[in-house]
Amino acid sequence: MNGLRVEAAPPGLSVQDEGRAGHRRHGIPAAGAMDRLALAVANRLVGNPPGTAALETVLGGARFG
């Protein structure tokens, strides 16, 4: 099984994906990663399928196992 274990999640840690474009008329904001190109490149570099979500941290302090 592949996966990532988050051992410490500081307040600035969030999950970012490609967002939900095209649903604003239903009251759903686009949201998602601010830099979608960087998300796509990062997924390609590590061999993830396109559209895979990523973890973003602002101040550091996250620990993964």
N, C-alpha and C. Protein backbone atom coordinates (compact mmCIF):
# COMPACT_ATOMS: atom_id res chain seq x y z
N MET A 1 0.83 -1.17 0.00
CA MET A 1 0.00 0.00 0.00
C MET A 1 0.88 1.24 0.00
N ASN A 2 0.57 2.19 -0.86
CA ASN A 2 1.29 3.46 -0.90
C ASN A 2 0.54 4.47 -0.05
N GLY A 3 1.29 5.35 0.55
CA GLY A 3 0.64 6.37 1.35
C GLY A 3 1.65 7.26 2.03
N LEU A 4 1.15 8.23 2.74
CA LEU A 4 1.97 9.17 3.47
C LEU A 4 1.37 9.30 4.86
N ARG A 5 2.19 9.12 5.85
CA ARG A 5 1.73 9.24 7.23
C ARG A 5 2.12 10.61 7.75
N VAL A 6 1.15 11.39 8.20
CA VAL A 6 1.39 12.70 8.78
C VAL A 6 1.54 12.51 10.28
N GLU A 7 2.74 12.76 10.78
CA GLU A 7 3.02 12.58 12.21
C GLU A 7 2.80 13.86 13.00
N ALA A 8 2.99 15.01 12.37
CA ALA A 8 2.74 16.30 13.02
C ALA A 8 2.19 17.25 11.97
N ALA A 9 1.03 17.83 12.25
CA ALA A 9 0.38 18.75 11.32
C ALA A 9 0.24 20.12 11.97
N PRO A 10 1.11 21.07 11.63
CA PRO A 10 1.01 22.41 12.21
C PRO A 10 -0.21 23.14 11.67
N PRO A 11 -0.60 24.25 12.28
CA PRO A 11 -1.80 24.98 11.85
C PRO A 11 -1.77 25.41 10.39
N GLY A 12 -0.59 25.63 9.81
CA GLY A 12 -0.51 26.08 8.43
C GLY A 12 -0.55 24.98 7.39
N LEU A 13 -0.83 23.74 7.77
CA LEU A 13 -0.85 22.62 6.83
C LEU A 13 -2.24 22.48 6.22
N SER A 14 -2.29 22.38 4.89
CA SER A 14 -3.58 22.22 4.22
C SER A 14 -3.43 21.28 3.03
N VAL A 15 -4.54 20.71 2.62
CA VAL A 15 -4.59 19.86 1.44
C VAL A 15 -5.05 20.73 0.28
N GLN A 16 -4.31 20.71 -0.83
CA GLN A 16 -4.65 21.51 -2.00
C GLN A 16 -4.82 20.60 -3.21
N ASP A 17 -5.83 20.88 -4.01
CA ASP A 17 -6.07 20.12 -5.23
C ASP A 17 -6.28 21.09 -6.39
N GLU A 18 -6.79 20.61 -7.50
CA GLU A 18 -6.99 21.47 -8.67
C GLU A 18 -8.22 22.37 -8.54
N GLY A 19 -9.00 22.20 -7.51
CA GLY A 19 -10.17 23.04 -7.29
C GLY A 19 -11.41 22.52 -7.99
N ARG A 20 -12.45 23.32 -7.94
CA ARG A 20 -13.73 22.94 -8.51
C ARG A 20 -14.24 24.04 -9.44
N ALA A 21 -13.54 24.23 -10.53
CA ALA A 21 -13.90 25.28 -11.49
C ALA A 21 -15.27 24.97 -12.12
N GLY A 22 -16.02 26.03 -12.41
CA GLY A 22 -17.29 25.88 -13.11
C GLY A 22 -18.50 25.65 -12.23
N HIS A 23 -18.35 25.77 -10.91
CA HIS A 23 -19.48 25.52 -10.01
C HIS A 23 -19.87 26.75 -9.19
N ARG A 24 -19.32 27.90 -9.55
CA ARG A 24 -19.60 29.13 -8.79
C ARG A 24 -21.09 29.45 -8.78
N ARG A 25 -21.78 29.16 -9.88
CA ARG A 25 -23.22 29.45 -9.94
C ARG A 25 -24.02 28.64 -8.91
N HIS A 26 -23.41 27.57 -8.39
CA HIS A 26 -24.05 26.75 -7.36
C HIS A 26 -23.58 27.15 -5.95
N GLY A 27 -22.77 28.21 -5.88
CA GLY A 27 -22.28 28.67 -4.59
C GLY A 27 -21.03 27.96 -4.11
N ILE A 28 -20.36 27.23 -5.00
CA ILE A 28 -19.14 26.51 -4.63
C ILE A 28 -17.95 27.27 -5.17
N PRO A 29 -17.08 27.80 -4.31
CA PRO A 29 -15.93 28.55 -4.80
C PRO A 29 -14.94 27.65 -5.52
N ALA A 30 -14.16 28.24 -6.42
CA ALA A 30 -13.19 27.45 -7.20
C ALA A 30 -12.14 26.83 -6.28
N ALA A 31 -11.64 27.59 -5.33
CA ALA A 31 -10.62 27.14 -4.37
C ALA A 31 -9.47 26.43 -5.08
N GLY A 32 -8.84 25.46 -4.42
CA GLY A 32 -7.74 24.72 -5.01
C GLY A 32 -6.41 25.44 -4.84
N ALA A 33 -5.38 24.83 -5.40
CA ALA A 33 -4.02 25.37 -5.31
C ALA A 33 -3.93 26.72 -6.02
N MET A 34 -3.19 27.64 -5.43
CA MET A 34 -3.03 28.94 -6.06
C MET A 34 -2.19 28.81 -7.34
N ASP A 35 -1.17 27.96 -7.30
CA ASP A 35 -0.30 27.76 -8.46
C ASP A 35 -0.56 26.36 -9.01
N ARG A 36 -1.55 26.25 -9.87
CA ARG A 36 -1.94 24.94 -10.40
C ARG A 36 -0.85 24.31 -11.26
N LEU A 37 -0.07 25.15 -11.95
CA LEU A 37 1.04 24.62 -12.75
C LEU A 37 2.07 23.96 -11.85
N ALA A 38 2.42 24.59 -10.73
CA ALA A 38 3.37 24.00 -9.80
C ALA A 38 2.85 22.69 -9.24
N LEU A 39 1.55 22.61 -8.95
CA LEU A 39 0.95 21.37 -8.47
C LEU A 39 1.06 20.27 -9.52
N ALA A 40 0.77 20.61 -10.77
CA ALA A 40 0.85 19.63 -11.86
C ALA A 40 2.29 19.15 -12.06
N VAL A 41 3.25 20.06 -12.02
CA VAL A 41 4.66 19.69 -12.19
C VAL A 41 5.13 18.82 -11.03
N ALA A 42 4.76 19.19 -9.80
CA ALA A 42 5.15 18.40 -8.63
C ALA A 42 4.60 16.98 -8.73
N ASN A 43 3.33 16.83 -9.13
CA ASN A 43 2.76 15.49 -9.28
C ASN A 43 3.50 14.69 -10.34
N ARG A 44 3.83 15.33 -11.44
CA ARG A 44 4.55 14.61 -12.50
C ARG A 44 5.94 14.19 -12.04
N LEU A 45 6.63 15.06 -11.31
CA LEU A 45 7.98 14.76 -10.83
C LEU A 45 8.03 13.54 -9.91
N VAL A 46 6.98 13.36 -9.09
CA VAL A 46 6.98 12.24 -8.15
C VAL A 46 6.20 11.04 -8.67
N GLY A 47 5.68 11.13 -9.90
CA GLY A 47 5.00 9.99 -10.50
C GLY A 47 3.54 9.83 -10.11
N ASN A 48 2.93 10.88 -9.57
CA ASN A 48 1.52 10.82 -9.22
C ASN A 48 0.66 11.05 -10.46
N PRO A 49 -0.56 10.51 -10.47
CA PRO A 49 -1.47 10.80 -11.58
C PRO A 49 -1.86 12.29 -11.58
N PRO A 50 -2.18 12.85 -12.75
CA PRO A 50 -2.63 14.24 -12.79
C PRO A 50 -3.85 14.43 -11.88
N GLY A 51 -3.90 15.57 -11.20
CA GLY A 51 -5.03 15.87 -10.34
C GLY A 51 -4.90 15.39 -8.92
N THR A 52 -3.81 14.71 -8.58
CA THR A 52 -3.60 14.24 -7.22
C THR A 52 -3.42 15.44 -6.29
N ALA A 53 -4.06 15.40 -5.13
CA ALA A 53 -3.94 16.48 -4.15
C ALA A 53 -2.55 16.47 -3.52
N ALA A 54 -2.16 17.61 -2.97
CA ALA A 54 -0.85 17.76 -2.33
C ALA A 54 -1.01 18.45 -0.99
N LEU A 55 -0.04 18.26 -0.11
CA LEU A 55 -0.03 18.96 1.17
C LEU A 55 0.81 20.23 1.04
N GLU A 56 0.29 21.31 1.58
CA GLU A 56 0.99 22.59 1.55
C GLU A 56 1.17 23.05 2.99
N THR A 57 2.37 23.48 3.32
CA THR A 57 2.61 23.99 4.67
C THR A 57 3.21 25.38 4.57
N VAL A 58 2.82 26.26 5.47
CA VAL A 58 3.23 27.66 5.41
C VAL A 58 4.48 27.89 6.28
N LEU A 59 4.43 27.49 7.51
CA LEU A 59 5.49 27.82 8.45
C LEU A 59 6.42 26.66 8.77
N GLY A 60 6.24 25.52 8.16
CA GLY A 60 7.05 24.36 8.48
C GLY A 60 6.57 23.67 9.74
N GLY A 61 7.35 22.76 10.24
CA GLY A 61 6.99 22.03 11.45
C GLY A 61 6.23 20.75 11.19
N ALA A 62 5.92 20.46 9.94
CA ALA A 62 5.22 19.21 9.62
C ALA A 62 6.22 18.06 9.66
N ARG A 63 5.75 16.90 10.11
CA ARG A 63 6.58 15.69 10.10
C ARG A 63 5.81 14.57 9.42
N PHE A 64 6.52 13.85 8.56
CA PHE A 64 5.89 12.77 7.80
C PHE A 64 6.68 11.50 7.99
N GLY A 65 5.99 10.38 7.92
CA GLY A 65 6.66 9.08 8.08
C GLY A 65 6.37 8.16 6.93
